[in-house]
Structures are given as C-alpha cells and as structure tokens.
C-alpha atoms as a PDB file:
ATOM      1  CA  MET A   1    -106.654  -5.368  25.506  1.00  0.00           C
ATOM      2  CA  LYS A   2    -107.481  -8.943  24.494  1.00  0.00           C
ATOM      3  CA  PRO A   3    -108.845  -9.279  20.951  1.00  0.00           C
ATOM      4  CA  SER A   4    -112.343 -10.548  20.450  1.00  0.00           C
ATOM      5  CA  LEU A   5    -113.183 -13.042  17.728  1.00  0.00           C
ATOM      6  CA  ILE A   6    -111.395 -11.816  14.631  1.00  0.00           C
ATOM      7  CA  VAL A   7    -114.361 -12.300  12.301  1.00  0.00           C
ATOM      8  CA  LEU A   8    -116.332  -9.638  14.087  1.00  0.00           C
ATOM      9  CA  ALA A   9    -113.532  -7.217  14.830  1.00  0.00           C
ATOM     10  CA  CYS A  10    -113.873  -3.450  14.676  1.00  0.00           C
ATOM     11  CA  PHE A  11    -113.406  -1.690  11.330  1.00  0.00           C
ATOM     12  CA  PHE A  12    -109.948  -0.128  11.719  1.00  0.00           C
ATOM     13  CA  MET A  13    -108.950   3.267  10.365  1.00  0.00           C
ATOM     14  CA  LEU A  14    -107.550   3.361   6.837  1.00  0.00           C
ATOM     15  CA  PHE A  15    -106.602   6.996   6.525  1.00  0.00           C
ATOM     16  CA  ALA A  16    -105.961   9.945   8.752  1.00  0.00           C
ATOM     17  CA  GLY A  17    -108.289  12.854   9.247  1.00  0.00           C
ATOM     18  CA  SER A  18    -109.467  15.168  11.965  1.00  0.00           C
ATOM     19  CA  ASN A  19    -112.885  16.141  13.197  1.00  0.00           C
ATOM     20  CA  ALA A  20    -111.541  17.676  16.376  1.00  0.00           C
ATOM     21  CA  THR A  21    -114.205  20.364  16.424  1.00  0.00           C
ATOM     22  CA  ALA A  22    -117.127  18.094  15.533  1.00  0.00           C
ATOM     23  CA  LYS A  23    -119.992  18.381  17.960  1.00  0.00           C
ATOM     24  CA  THR A  24    -121.084  15.355  19.954  1.00  0.00           C
ATOM     25  CA  SER A  25    -124.096  14.783  22.180  1.00  0.00           C
ATOM     26  CA  SER A  26    -124.863  11.593  24.070  1.00  0.00           C
ATOM     27  CA  ILE A  27    -127.574   9.783  25.993  1.00  0.00           C
ATOM     28  CA  GLN A  28    -128.120   6.431  27.691  1.00  0.00           C
ATOM     29  CA  VAL A  29    -130.476   4.125  25.799  1.00  0.00           C
ATOM     30  CA  LYS A  30    -131.926   0.853  27.023  1.00  0.00           C
ATOM     31  CA  GLY A  31    -130.989  -2.560  25.778  1.00  0.00           C
ATOM     32  CA  LEU A  32    -132.814  -5.574  27.175  1.00  0.00           C
ATOM     33  CA  GLY A  33    -133.326  -6.101  30.888  1.00  0.00           C
ATOM     34  CA  ASP A  34    -131.061  -3.893  32.971  1.00  0.00           C
ATOM     35  CA  LEU A  35    -128.424  -3.291  30.277  1.00  0.00           C
ATOM     36  CA  SER A  36    -127.981   0.026  28.492  1.00  0.00           C
ATOM     37  CA  CYS A  37    -125.746   1.571  25.838  1.00  0.00           C
ATOM     38  CA  THR A  38    -124.402   5.079  25.363  1.00  0.00           C
ATOM     39  CA  ALA A  39    -125.556   6.659  22.097  1.00  0.00           C
ATOM     40  CA  PHE A  40    -123.523   9.404  20.441  1.00  0.00           C
ATOM     41  CA  LEU A  41    -124.756  11.859  17.826  1.00  0.00           C
ATOM     42  CA  HIS A  42    -121.867  13.493  15.958  1.00  0.00           C
ATOM     43  CA  THR A  43    -122.311  16.503  13.677  1.00  0.00           C
ATOM     44  CA  GLY A  44    -119.818  18.498  11.648  1.00  0.00           C
ATOM     45  CA  LYS A  45    -117.767  21.536  12.556  1.00  0.00           C
ATOM     46  CA  ASN A  46    -120.336  24.054  11.362  1.00  0.00           C
ATOM     47  CA  ASN A  47    -123.747  24.675  12.865  1.00  0.00           C
ATOM     48  CA  SER A  48    -125.894  22.099  11.163  1.00  0.00           C
ATOM     49  CA  SER A  49    -129.580  21.409  10.831  1.00  0.00           C
ATOM     50  CA  ASP A  50    -131.818  19.012   8.918  1.00  0.00           C
ATOM     51  CA  LEU A  51    -129.026  16.583   8.001  1.00  0.00           C
ATOM     52  CA  PRO A  52    -129.698  13.016   6.882  1.00  0.00           C
ATOM     53  CA  LEU A  53    -128.889  10.430   9.532  1.00  0.00           C
ATOM     54  CA  TYR A  54    -126.008   7.986   9.116  1.00  0.00           C
ATOM     55  CA  VAL A  55    -126.076   5.068  11.566  1.00  0.00           C
ATOM     56  CA  SER A  56    -122.654   3.447  11.921  1.00  0.00           C
ATOM     57  CA  GLN A  57    -122.283   0.117  13.731  1.00  0.00           C
ATOM     58  CA  ALA A  58    -118.883  -1.566  13.915  1.00  0.00           C
ATOM     59  CA  GLY A  59    -117.850  -5.020  15.096  1.00  0.00           C
ATOM     60  CA  THR A  60    -117.053  -6.757  18.345  1.00  0.00           C
ATOM     61  CA  GLY A  61    -114.254  -5.583  20.575  1.00  0.00           C
ATOM     62  CA  VAL A  62    -113.481  -3.170  23.355  1.00  0.00           C
ATOM     63  CA  TYR A  63    -113.561   0.377  21.979  1.00  0.00           C
ATOM     64  CA  THR A  64    -115.539   3.586  22.250  1.00  0.00           C
ATOM     65  CA  ASN A  65    -117.310   5.615  19.566  1.00  0.00           C
ATOM     66  CA  SER A  66    -117.316   8.758  21.690  1.00  0.00           C
ATOM     67  CA  ASN A  67    -114.528  10.430  19.684  1.00  0.00           C
ATOM     68  CA  PRO A  68    -115.428  11.137  16.039  1.00  0.00           C
ATOM     69  CA  ASP A  69    -111.733  11.015  15.100  1.00  0.00           C
ATOM     70  CA  ASP A  70    -111.766   7.298  15.946  1.00  0.00           C
ATOM     71  CA  LEU A  71    -114.697   6.357  13.726  1.00  0.00           C
ATOM     72  CA  ASP A  72    -114.399   4.442  10.463  1.00  0.00           C
ATOM     73  CA  PRO A  73    -113.075   6.266   7.369  1.00  0.00           C
ATOM     74  CA  THR A  74    -116.390   6.629   5.535  1.00  0.00           C
ATOM     75  CA  THR A  75    -118.053   8.083   8.603  1.00  0.00           C
ATOM     76  CA  ARG A  76    -115.210  10.543   9.151  1.00  0.00           C
ATOM     77  CA  GLU A  77    -115.413  11.643   5.526  1.00  0.00           C
ATOM     78  CA  LEU A  78    -119.113  12.498   5.896  1.00  0.00           C
ATOM     79  CA  LEU A  79    -118.445  14.399   9.114  1.00  0.00           C
ATOM     80  CA  THR A  80    -115.496  16.294   7.664  1.00  0.00           C
ATOM     81  CA  HIS A  81    -117.688  17.640   4.867  1.00  0.00           C
ATOM     82  CA  ASN A  82    -120.725  18.140   7.116  1.00  0.00           C
ATOM     83  CA  LEU A  83    -122.829  15.869   4.934  1.00  0.00           C
ATOM     84  CA  ALA A  84    -124.676  13.838   7.571  1.00  0.00           C
ATOM     85  CA  ALA A  85    -125.291  13.511  11.275  1.00  0.00           C
ATOM     86  CA  VAL A  86    -123.620  10.332  12.495  1.00  0.00           C
ATOM     87  CA  LEU A  87    -125.176   8.085  15.126  1.00  0.00           C
ATOM     88  CA  THR A  88    -123.097   5.484  16.957  1.00  0.00           C
ATOM     89  CA  ILE A  89    -123.389   3.532  20.199  1.00  0.00           C
ATOM     90  CA  ASP A  90    -121.052   2.140  22.823  1.00  0.00           C
ATOM     91  CA  LYS A  91    -121.909  -1.327  24.038  1.00  0.00           C
ATOM     92  CA  PRO A  92    -123.063  -1.995  27.590  1.00  0.00           C
ATOM     93  CA  GLY A  93    -120.199  -1.766  30.055  1.00  0.00           C
ATOM     94  CA  ILE A  94    -117.943   0.335  27.821  1.00  0.00           C
ATOM     95  CA  VAL A  95    -116.912   3.559  29.561  1.00  0.00           C
ATOM     96  CA  PRO A  96    -114.646   6.115  27.812  1.00  0.00           C
ATOM     97  CA  ASP A  97    -111.565   6.642  30.009  1.00  0.00           C
ATOM     98  CA  SER A  98    -108.744   8.764  28.624  1.00  0.00           C
ATOM     99  CA  SER A  99    -106.507   7.724  31.526  1.00  0.00           C
ATOM    100  CA  ASN A 100    -106.483   4.167  30.186  1.00  0.00           C
ATOM    101  CA  LYS A 101    -103.782   4.129  27.538  1.00  0.00           C
ATOM    102  CA  GLU A 102    -104.916   0.734  26.244  1.00  0.00           C
ATOM    103  CA  GLY A 103    -107.858   1.688  24.072  1.00  0.00           C
ATOM    104  CA  GLY A 104    -109.023   4.707  26.081  1.00  0.00           C
ATOM    105  CA  VAL A 105    -111.853   2.752  27.692  1.00  0.00           C
ATOM    106  CA  ARG A 106    -112.767   1.059  30.934  1.00  0.00           C
ATOM    107  CA  VAL A 107    -114.631  -2.235  30.759  1.00  0.00           C
ATOM    108  CA  GLU A 108    -117.289  -2.854  33.385  1.00  0.00           C
ATOM    109  CA  GLN A 109    -119.293  -5.979  34.216  1.00  0.00           C
ATOM    110  CA  PRO A 110    -122.296  -5.349  31.895  1.00  0.00           C
ATOM    111  CA  TYR A 111    -120.005  -5.807  28.873  1.00  0.00           C
ATOM    112  CA  TYR A 112    -119.760  -9.505  29.663  1.00  0.00           C
ATOM    113  CA  ARG A 113    -123.555  -9.896  29.693  1.00  0.00           C
ATOM    114  CA  TYR A 114    -124.601  -8.198  26.463  1.00  0.00           C
ATOM    115  CA  THR A 115    -125.866  -9.928  23.320  1.00  0.00           C
ATOM    116  CA  THR A 116    -126.592  -8.587  19.849  1.00  0.00           C
ATOM    117  CA  ASP A 117    -130.250  -8.394  20.912  1.00  0.00           C
ATOM    118  CA  ASP A 118    -129.244  -5.640  23.355  1.00  0.00           C
ATOM    119  CA  LEU A 119    -127.525  -3.758  20.550  1.00  0.00           C
ATOM    120  CA  VAL A 120    -130.579  -4.028  18.294  1.00  0.00           C
ATOM    121  CA  SER A 121    -132.700  -2.521  21.069  1.00  0.00           C
ATOM    122  CA  CYS A 122    -130.139   0.200  21.790  1.00  0.00           C
ATOM    123  CA  VAL A 123    -129.788   1.288  18.160  1.00  0.00           C
ATOM    124  CA  ASP A 124    -133.560   1.422  17.695  1.00  0.00           C
ATOM    125  CA  LYS A 125    -133.947   3.722  20.701  1.00  0.00           C
ATOM    126  CA  ALA A 126    -130.924   5.757  19.648  1.00  0.00           C
ATOM    127  CA  ILE A 127    -132.496   6.434  16.232  1.00  0.00           C
ATOM    128  CA  LYS A 128    -135.682   7.657  17.912  1.00  0.00           C
ATOM    129  CA  TRP A 129    -133.595   9.959  20.128  1.00  0.00           C
ATOM    130  CA  ALA A 130    -131.463  11.287  17.265  1.00  0.00           C
ATOM    131  CA  SER A 131    -134.499  11.963  15.089  1.00  0.00           C
ATOM    132  CA  GLN A 132    -135.616  14.575  17.640  1.00  0.00           C
ATOM    133  CA  SER A 133    -132.410  16.594  17.222  1.00  0.00           C
ATOM    134  CA  SER A 134    -132.541  19.845  15.258  1.00  0.00           C
ATOM    135  CA  ALA A 135    -129.406  18.654  13.460  1.00  0.00           C
ATOM    136  CA  VAL A 136    -131.293  15.708  11.970  1.00  0.00           C
ATOM    137  CA  SER A 137    -134.072  15.368   9.440  1.00  0.00           C
ATOM    138  CA  ILE A 138    -134.915  11.704   8.912  1.00  0.00           C
ATOM    139  CA  LYS A 139    -137.163  12.840   6.063  1.00  0.00           C
ATOM    140  CA  ARG A 140    -133.908  13.430   4.192  1.00  0.00           C
ATOM    141  CA  GLY A 141    -133.114   9.775   4.667  1.00  0.00           C
ATOM    142  CA  ILE A 142    -131.362   7.296   6.934  1.00  0.00           C
ATOM    143  CA  THR A 143    -128.324   5.166   6.109  1.00  0.00           C
ATOM    144  CA  PHE A 144    -127.295   1.975   7.893  1.00  0.00           C
ATOM    145  CA  SER A 145    -123.589   1.165   7.728  1.00  0.00           C
ATOM    146  CA  GLY A 146    -122.666  -2.108   9.442  1.00  0.00           C
ATOM    147  CA  HIS A 147    -119.361  -3.953   9.634  1.00  0.00           C
ATOM    148  CA  SER A 148    -119.128  -7.568  10.880  1.00  0.00           C
ATOM    149  CA  GLU A 149    -121.196  -7.778  14.074  1.00  0.00           C
ATOM    150  CA  GLY A 150    -122.593  -4.387  13.113  1.00  0.00           C
ATOM    151  CA  ALA A 151    -123.993  -5.875   9.897  1.00  0.00           C
ATOM    152  CA  ILE A 152    -125.868  -8.473  11.946  1.00  0.00           C
ATOM    153  CA  VAL A 153    -127.238  -5.844  14.325  1.00  0.00           C
ATOM    154  CA  LEU A 154    -128.484  -3.459  11.652  1.00  0.00           C
ATOM    155  CA  VAL A 155    -130.031  -6.094   9.385  1.00  0.00           C
ATOM    156  CA  GLU A 156    -131.875  -7.635  12.338  1.00  0.00           C
ATOM    157  CA  LEU A 157    -133.045  -4.178  13.373  1.00  0.00           C
ATOM    158  CA  TYR A 158    -134.343  -3.464   9.869  1.00  0.00           C
ATOM    159  CA  ARG A 159    -136.263  -6.750   9.854  1.00  0.00           C
ATOM    160  CA  ASP A 160    -137.794  -6.046  13.270  1.00  0.00           C
ATOM    161  CA  ALA A 161    -138.574  -2.402  12.467  1.00  0.00           C
ATOM    162  CA  LEU A 162    -140.436  -3.366   9.283  1.00  0.00           C
ATOM    163  CA  LYS A 163    -142.466  -5.913  11.204  1.00  0.00           C
ATOM    164  CA  ALA A 164    -143.300  -3.334  13.887  1.00  0.00           C
ATOM    165  CA  ASN A 165    -143.839  -0.549  11.328  1.00  0.00           C
ATOM    166  CA  ALA A 166    -141.470   1.709  13.260  1.00  0.00           C
ATOM    167  CA  ASN A 167    -141.927   5.426  12.628  1.00  0.00           C
ATOM    168  CA  TRP A 168    -138.443   5.823  11.170  1.00  0.00           C
ATOM    169  CA  VAL A 169    -138.255   2.712   8.984  1.00  0.00           C
ATOM    170  CA  SER A 170    -139.823   4.204   5.852  1.00  0.00           C
ATOM    171  CA  HIS A 171    -136.984   6.762   5.774  1.00  0.00           C
ATOM    172  CA  LEU A 172    -134.227   4.134   5.573  1.00  0.00           C
ATOM    173  CA  LYS A 173    -132.792   4.526   2.065  1.00  0.00           C
ATOM    174  CA  LEU A 174    -129.443   2.735   2.038  1.00  0.00           C
ATOM    175  CA  VAL A 175    -127.913  -0.244   3.862  1.00  0.00           C
ATOM    176  CA  MET A 176    -124.137  -0.642   3.413  1.00  0.00           C
ATOM    177  CA  LEU A 177    -122.551  -3.838   4.758  1.00  0.00           C
ATOM    178  CA  SER A 178    -118.921  -4.984   4.930  1.00  0.00           C
ATOM    179  CA  GLY A 179    -117.090  -7.879   6.533  1.00  0.00           C
ATOM    180  CA  VAL A 180    -120.426  -9.666   6.300  1.00  0.00           C
ATOM    181  CA  PRO A 181    -120.688 -12.896   8.373  1.00  0.00           C
ATOM    182  CA  LEU A 182    -123.406 -14.581   6.319  1.00  0.00           C
ATOM    183  CA  GLU A 183    -122.900 -18.046   7.786  1.00  0.00           C
ATOM    184  CA  GLY A 184    -124.156 -19.160  11.178  1.00  0.00           C
ATOM    185  CA  MET A 185    -121.891 -18.442  14.134  1.00  0.00           C
ATOM    186  CA  ASP A 186    -121.296 -22.124  14.841  1.00  0.00           C
ATOM    187  CA  SER A 187    -119.982 -22.513  11.286  1.00  0.00           C
ATOM    188  CA  ILE A 188    -117.789 -19.410  11.533  1.00  0.00           C
ATOM    189  CA  ILE A 189    -116.307 -20.514  14.848  1.00  0.00           C
ATOM    190  CA  GLY A 190    -115.645 -24.003  13.500  1.00  0.00           C
ATOM    191  CA  THR A 191    -113.793 -22.560  10.514  1.00  0.00           C
ATOM    192  CA  GLN A 192    -111.605 -20.144  12.453  1.00  0.00           C
ATOM    193  CA  PHE A 193    -110.679 -22.078  15.587  1.00  0.00           C
ATOM    194  CA  GLY A 194    -108.129 -24.834  15.931  1.00  0.00           C
ATOM    195  CA  LYS A 195    -109.285 -28.088  17.491  1.00  0.00           C
ATOM    196  CA  ALA A 196    -108.063 -27.322  21.008  1.00  0.00           C
ATOM    197  CA  ARG A 197    -109.510 -23.808  21.062  1.00  0.00           C
ATOM    198  CA  LEU A 198    -112.769 -24.987  19.545  1.00  0.00           C
ATOM    199  CA  ALA A 199    -113.087 -27.689  22.205  1.00  0.00           C
ATOM    200  CA  ASN A 200    -112.486 -25.112  24.932  1.00  0.00           C
ATOM    201  CA  PHE A 201    -115.074 -22.803  23.396  1.00  0.00           C
ATOM    202  CA  TRP A 202    -117.805 -25.446  23.459  1.00  0.00           C
ATOM    203  CA  LYS A 203    -116.740 -26.502  26.946  1.00  0.00           C
ATOM    204  CA  ALA A 204    -117.058 -22.912  28.186  1.00  0.00           C
ATOM    205  CA  LEU A 205    -120.449 -22.589  26.525  1.00  0.00           C
ATOM    206  CA  GLU A 206    -121.851 -25.883  27.791  1.00  0.00           C
ATOM    207  CA  THR A 207    -120.615 -25.384  31.365  1.00  0.00           C
ATOM    208  CA  LYS A 208    -121.333 -21.639  31.380  1.00  0.00           C
ATOM    209  CA  ASP A 209    -117.701 -21.027  32.324  1.00  0.00           C
ATOM    210  CA  ASP A 210    -117.508 -17.263  31.962  1.00  0.00           C
ATOM    211  CA  LYS A 211    -113.881 -17.145  33.095  1.00  0.00           C
ATOM    212  CA  LEU A 212    -112.760 -19.522  30.356  1.00  0.00           C
ATOM    213  CA  MET A 213    -114.856 -17.706  27.739  1.00  0.00           C
ATOM    214  CA  ARG A 214    -113.239 -14.398  28.689  1.00  0.00           C
ATOM    215  CA  GLU A 215    -109.813 -15.978  28.383  1.00  0.00           C
ATOM    216  CA  LEU A 216    -110.674 -17.272  24.929  1.00  0.00           C
ATOM    217  CA  LEU A 217    -112.510 -14.272  23.468  1.00  0.00           C
ATOM    218  CA  ASN A 218    -112.694 -11.491  26.061  1.00  0.00           C
ATOM    219  CA  MET A 219    -116.467 -11.815  25.914  1.00  0.00           C
ATOM    220  CA  GLY A 220    -119.103 -13.396  28.132  1.00  0.00           C
ATOM    221  CA  VAL A 221    -120.991 -16.665  27.814  1.00  0.00           C
ATOM    222  CA  PRO A 222    -124.391 -14.925  27.278  1.00  0.00           C
ATOM    223  CA  TYR A 223    -123.174 -13.420  23.993  1.00  0.00           C
ATOM    224  CA  TRP A 224    -122.184 -16.743  22.480  1.00  0.00           C
ATOM    225  CA  ALA A 225    -125.037 -18.724  23.984  1.00  0.00           C
ATOM    226  CA  ARG A 226    -127.352 -16.450  22.032  1.00  0.00           C
ATOM    227  CA  ALA A 227    -125.184 -16.124  18.923  1.00  0.00           C
ATOM    228  CA  VAL A 228    -124.969 -19.843  18.120  1.00  0.00           C
ATOM    229  CA  THR A 229    -128.750 -20.283  18.337  1.00  0.00           C
ATOM    230  CA  LYS A 230    -129.766 -17.345  16.132  1.00  0.00           C
ATOM    231  CA  PRO A 231    -130.566 -17.693  12.423  1.00  0.00           C
ATOM    232  CA  SER A 232    -127.617 -16.913  10.179  1.00  0.00           C
ATOM    233  CA  LEU A 233    -127.366 -13.437   8.685  1.00  0.00           C
ATOM    234  CA  ARG A 234    -128.151 -14.939   5.294  1.00  0.00           C
ATOM    235  CA  LYS A 235    -131.430 -16.326   6.667  1.00  0.00           C
ATOM    236  CA  VAL A 236    -132.272 -12.930   8.121  1.00  0.00           C
ATOM    237  CA  LEU A 237    -131.598 -11.273   4.754  1.00  0.00           C
ATOM    238  CA  GLU A 238    -133.802 -13.833   3.016  1.00  0.00           C
ATOM    239  CA  THR A 239    -136.588 -13.064   5.489  1.00  0.00           C
ATOM    240  CA  LEU A 240    -136.049  -9.373   4.925  1.00  0.00           C
ATOM    241  CA  ALA A 241    -136.445  -9.813   1.179  1.00  0.00           C
ATOM    242  CA  LEU A 242    -139.942 -11.214   1.745  1.00  0.00           C
ATOM    243  CA  GLN A 243    -140.810  -8.029   3.637  1.00  0.00           C
ATOM    244  CA  LYS A 244    -140.100  -5.996   0.470  1.00  0.00           C
ATOM    245  CA  PRO A 245    -137.862  -3.336   2.049  1.00  0.00           C
ATOM    246  CA  ASN A 246    -137.543  -0.003   0.271  1.00  0.00           C
ATOM    247  CA  ALA A 247    -133.861   0.504   1.005  1.00  0.00           C
ATOM    248  CA  ASP A 248    -131.037  -0.265  -1.403  1.00  0.00           C
ATOM    249  CA  PHE A 249    -128.430  -2.756  -0.162  1.00  0.00           C
ATOM    250  CA  ALA A 250    -124.727  -2.528  -0.987  1.00  0.00           C
ATOM    251  CA  ILE A 251    -122.198  -5.151   0.117  1.00  0.00           C
ATOM    252  CA  PHE A 252    -118.461  -4.468   0.023  1.00  0.00           C
ATOM    253  CA  GLN A 253    -116.435  -7.692   0.144  1.00  0.00           C
ATOM    254  CA  GLY A 254    -112.722  -8.410   0.298  1.00  0.00           C
ATOM    255  CA  LEU A 255    -111.609 -11.323  -1.890  1.00  0.00           C
ATOM    256  CA  GLU A 256    -108.732 -11.935   0.524  1.00  0.00           C
ATOM    257  CA  ASP A 257    -110.899 -11.815   3.640  1.00  0.00           C
ATOM    258  CA  GLY A 258    -109.915 -14.760   5.806  1.00  0.00           C
ATOM    259  CA  ASN A 259    -112.414 -13.850   8.513  1.00  0.00           C
ATOM    260  CA  THR A 260    -115.644 -13.590   6.546  1.00  0.00           C
ATOM    261  CA  PRO A 261    -114.870 -15.334   3.223  1.00  0.00           C
ATOM    262  CA  HIS A 262    -116.182 -14.103  -0.086  1.00  0.00           C
ATOM    263  CA  GLU A 263    -117.722 -17.414  -1.248  1.00  0.00           C
ATOM    264  CA  PRO A 264    -120.912 -17.081   0.855  1.00  0.00           C
ATOM    265  CA  VAL A 265    -121.332 -13.537  -0.489  1.00  0.00           C
ATOM    266  CA  ILE A 266    -121.076 -14.771  -4.079  1.00  0.00           C
ATOM    267  CA  GLU A 267    -123.634 -17.488  -3.327  1.00  0.00           C
ATOM    268  CA  PHE A 268    -125.998 -14.961  -1.778  1.00  0.00           C
ATOM    269  CA  GLU A 269    -125.600 -12.607  -4.738  1.00  0.00           C
ATOM    270  CA  ARG A 270    -126.507 -15.484  -7.077  1.00  0.00           C
ATOM    271  CA  TRP A 271    -129.528 -16.347  -4.924  1.00  0.00           C
ATOM    272  CA  ASN A 272    -130.729 -12.757  -5.160  1.00  0.00           C
ATOM    273  CA  ASP A 273    -130.157 -12.663  -8.935  1.00  0.00           C
ATOM    274  CA  ILE A 274    -132.281 -15.812  -9.313  1.00  0.00           C
ATOM    275  CA  ARG A 275    -134.976 -14.179  -7.191  1.00  0.00           C
ATOM    276  CA  GLN A 276    -134.866 -11.181  -9.512  1.00  0.00           C
ATOM    277  CA  LYS A 277    -135.573 -13.373 -12.534  1.00  0.00           C
ATOM    278  CA  ARG A 278    -138.269 -15.400 -10.774  1.00  0.00           C
ATOM    279  CA  ASP A 279    -139.924 -12.262  -9.455  1.00  0.00           C
ATOM    280  CA  THR A 280    -140.465 -11.064 -13.000  1.00  0.00           C
ATOM    281  CA  ASP A 281    -142.256 -14.309 -13.846  1.00  0.00           C
ATOM    282  CA  ARG A 282    -144.189 -14.628 -10.584  1.00  0.00           C
ATOM    283  CA  LYS A 283    -145.351 -11.016 -10.387  1.00  0.00           C
ATOM    284  CA  GLY A 284    -143.839 -10.048  -7.059  1.00  0.00           C
ATOM    285  CA  LYS A 285    -144.289 -13.314  -5.154  1.00  0.00           C
ATOM    286  CA  SER A 286    -140.554 -13.934  -4.701  1.00  0.00           C
ATOM    287  CA  PRO A 287    -139.095 -10.450  -4.259  1.00  0.00           C
ATOM    288  CA  PRO A 288    -135.319  -9.935  -4.297  1.00  0.00           C
ATOM    289  CA  LEU A 289    -133.404  -7.313  -2.394  1.00  0.00           C
ATOM    290  CA  LYS A 290    -132.323  -4.227  -4.311  1.00  0.00           C
ATOM    291  CA  LEU A 291    -128.729  -5.403  -4.006  1.00  0.00           C
ATOM    292  CA  SER A 292    -125.353  -4.463  -5.418  1.00  0.00           C
ATOM    293  CA  VAL A 293    -122.112  -6.230  -4.474  1.00  0.00           C
ATOM    294  CA  ARG A 294    -118.568  -4.980  -5.000  1.00  0.00           C
ATOM    295  CA  TYR A 295    -115.443  -7.084  -4.564  1.00  0.00           C
ATOM    296  CA  TYR A 296    -111.928  -5.894  -3.768  1.00  0.00           C
ATOM    297  CA  LEU A 297    -108.436  -7.383  -3.604  1.00  0.00           C
ATOM    298  CA  ALA A 298    -108.444  -6.727   0.114  1.00  0.00           C
ATOM    299  CA  GLY A 299    -108.883  -8.382   3.479  1.00  0.00           C
ATOM    300  CA  HIS A 300    -111.485  -7.996   6.212  1.00  0.00           C
ATOM    301  CA  TYR A 301    -110.874  -4.275   6.590  1.00  0.00           C
ATOM    302  CA  LEU A 302    -111.083  -3.575   2.839  1.00  0.00           C
ATOM    303  CA  ASN A 303    -109.000  -0.803   1.265  1.00  0.00           C
ATOM    304  CA  GLN A 304    -109.127   2.785   0.085  1.00  0.00           C
ATOM    305  CA  ASN A 305    -110.945   1.851  -3.128  1.00  0.00           C
ATOM    306  CA  ALA A 306    -113.772   0.409  -1.053  1.00  0.00           C
ATOM    307  CA  ILE A 307    -113.901   3.510   1.132  1.00  0.00           C
ATOM    308  CA  ASN A 308    -114.077   5.710  -1.966  1.00  0.00           C
ATOM    309  CA  ASP A 309    -116.924   3.589  -3.334  1.00  0.00           C
ATOM    310  CA  MET A 310    -118.861   3.790  -0.066  1.00  0.00           C
ATOM    311  CA  VAL A 311    -118.657   7.560  -0.053  1.00  0.00           C
ATOM    312  CA  SER A 312    -119.569   7.728  -3.748  1.00  0.00           C
ATOM    313  CA  ILE A 313    -122.620   5.486  -3.321  1.00  0.00           C
ATOM    314  CA  TRP A 314    -123.774   7.500  -0.342  1.00  0.00           C
ATOM    315  CA  ARG A 315    -123.392  10.767  -2.254  1.00  0.00           C
ATOM    316  CA  SER A 316    -125.333   9.437  -5.244  1.00  0.00           C
ATOM    317  CA  SER A 317    -128.172   8.377  -2.942  1.00  0.00           C
ATOM    318  CA  PHE A 318    -128.405  11.477  -0.801  1.00  0.00           C
ATOM    319  CA  GLN A 319    -126.948  14.530  -2.511  1.00  0.00           C
ATOM    320  CA  LYS A 320    -129.514  14.451  -5.277  1.00  0.00           C
ATOM    321  CA  ASN A 321    -132.150  15.408  -2.648  1.00  0.00           C
END
C-alpha cells in the first residue's frame, strides 16, 4: 500500500486491546454527487442502550474502520468499557477485504475522486442515521474526535451544521483534535515536499494528471484540486468562533511533530487567548472558542500520556451526566 501524504496519515495504534465481541452495524451514506461512504456504528460487548455518541474521524490513507480492534486507542478504550457508541466511516471506494493481506481492503475507483467535502456530507448523514439507533442517545451528548484530515472534516462539519441549525448540533459537547493541520494545504505541501516532488505535484494538479498524482500520493487529482483552494483549518476555526459554538475544544499537540508542527498551534492558542480578553471588554462581540491545548514530547501520533488525557477529558465531560 502506497502511503498518502504523511501530514494527514491515519492515527496508528499505540496499545493493544481487543473488542472482538463488539457489535457493529453499517449503512451506505451519500457524499456529494454519485459518491458514498460506508458508516459503521460500533457498540460494546454488552447489550447497550442510550449511549452518548463518539464520532471518530482519522486521516488520509487506505484503511477500513469496519473492525473496532483497528480503531484508534481512545476509541477502543471507550468501547472496551462500554462508555459510548462509536461512529466511523470508510471513504468512498474503500471496501473491506480480508483476503487482501496488505491493509485488509480493496481500493476501487471512487476513492480517487473523493474530496473532504464528500466526507463532511457522509459524516453528517451518518450522525443522523446513528441517532436513530436504540444504542444511542444524542441527548447524552456527542463527541467529535478528529486526527489530521479528520480534524478538517469534523471542524468544517461543525461550522456547516451550526449554519444549517442541524437537529443534532446542539448536542455536540466536545471536539478533540490531534495532528491538527492549521495551515493551508499549499503551505503544508510546500514545507514537506522536496523541490522535485513539489514540482511534480503542481504539474499533476495543473495538467490533471491523475496517474502522476497517484504515483506521488496514492490519491486523485480532485482531492488536491479542492484542498489547495479551501480556507485553512485555522480560518475555519476563526469562523466557527464567531458562530459561538457550545462545544468545548481540546487540542492535543506533539512538540516533535514534523508533519503538523506545533508553532501554528501555539499561535492559534495565543489568538484565542487574546479573543478571550477582548471579549470581556467588548461584551461578546469577539467570542473565543472554549479551548484547551495540551502539548507532549511526541510526534504526529502522540503518545500514551496523550491517550490517557483524551480518555480523562472525555470522562470528565460525559460521566458526570
């Protein structure tokens, strides 16, 4: 399996655990146009009902979320203790295939046509589907947990859902983000690529050379054509602050992260702190996010201390209900 762009890579496993008897249901949900995703709702080993909903969205790459044992460590911890129902999606064109020893998936043509806009649409519809399950009570709260590309998808979805006054959005209590690509994609690509690879990337994009783009990143031209024209994640978060969201935000950042560096996170934290002070003086005209940031001596995939903190923050938000 060719790696996708490192900055948006999937959140790898950091400890072992088994949810072999967790229950999983699935459904196809629509993206944009003719693309669709597979949504999976995972619940714990025991018969469960009225659980809060935990929406987990990882990064780019070819993988499936169909097996709960392969999910990120925080998600597996919640499933192991039957604390939440976990909602995940597989991207368009990703088909679980146990006969394929390289990743356990089969990649079909739609994968090379998806954009993050498709994922935003898919997750929105998946939440509406999951909220109808007897295992879920969104009145008990919803969590967003996004890593890398997943952070982009979930923050954009929150912005759009607030604007549309989606039925579920008032129940979103906590947004946890890691490996956060706050800068624009053109900036991130420029930082990570060598000159020759960067030149080939822009050549593939400008000439719509899907073959070359797949060779470079194992992704299609449509993804990057859209990605480099979208507002940066920082801009989206700034817009979101103006919408006065109810949810708490928690960012978990590795100080040794070479993929999504910590400096933009520090700058954004300072921006939000300044907003906090100004908001007091201006009586709500420049609202900040309800934001906490934690830093770790770790890389893009963080470490066990970060995982422990994620679980602890989730418990403090939800187990008091």
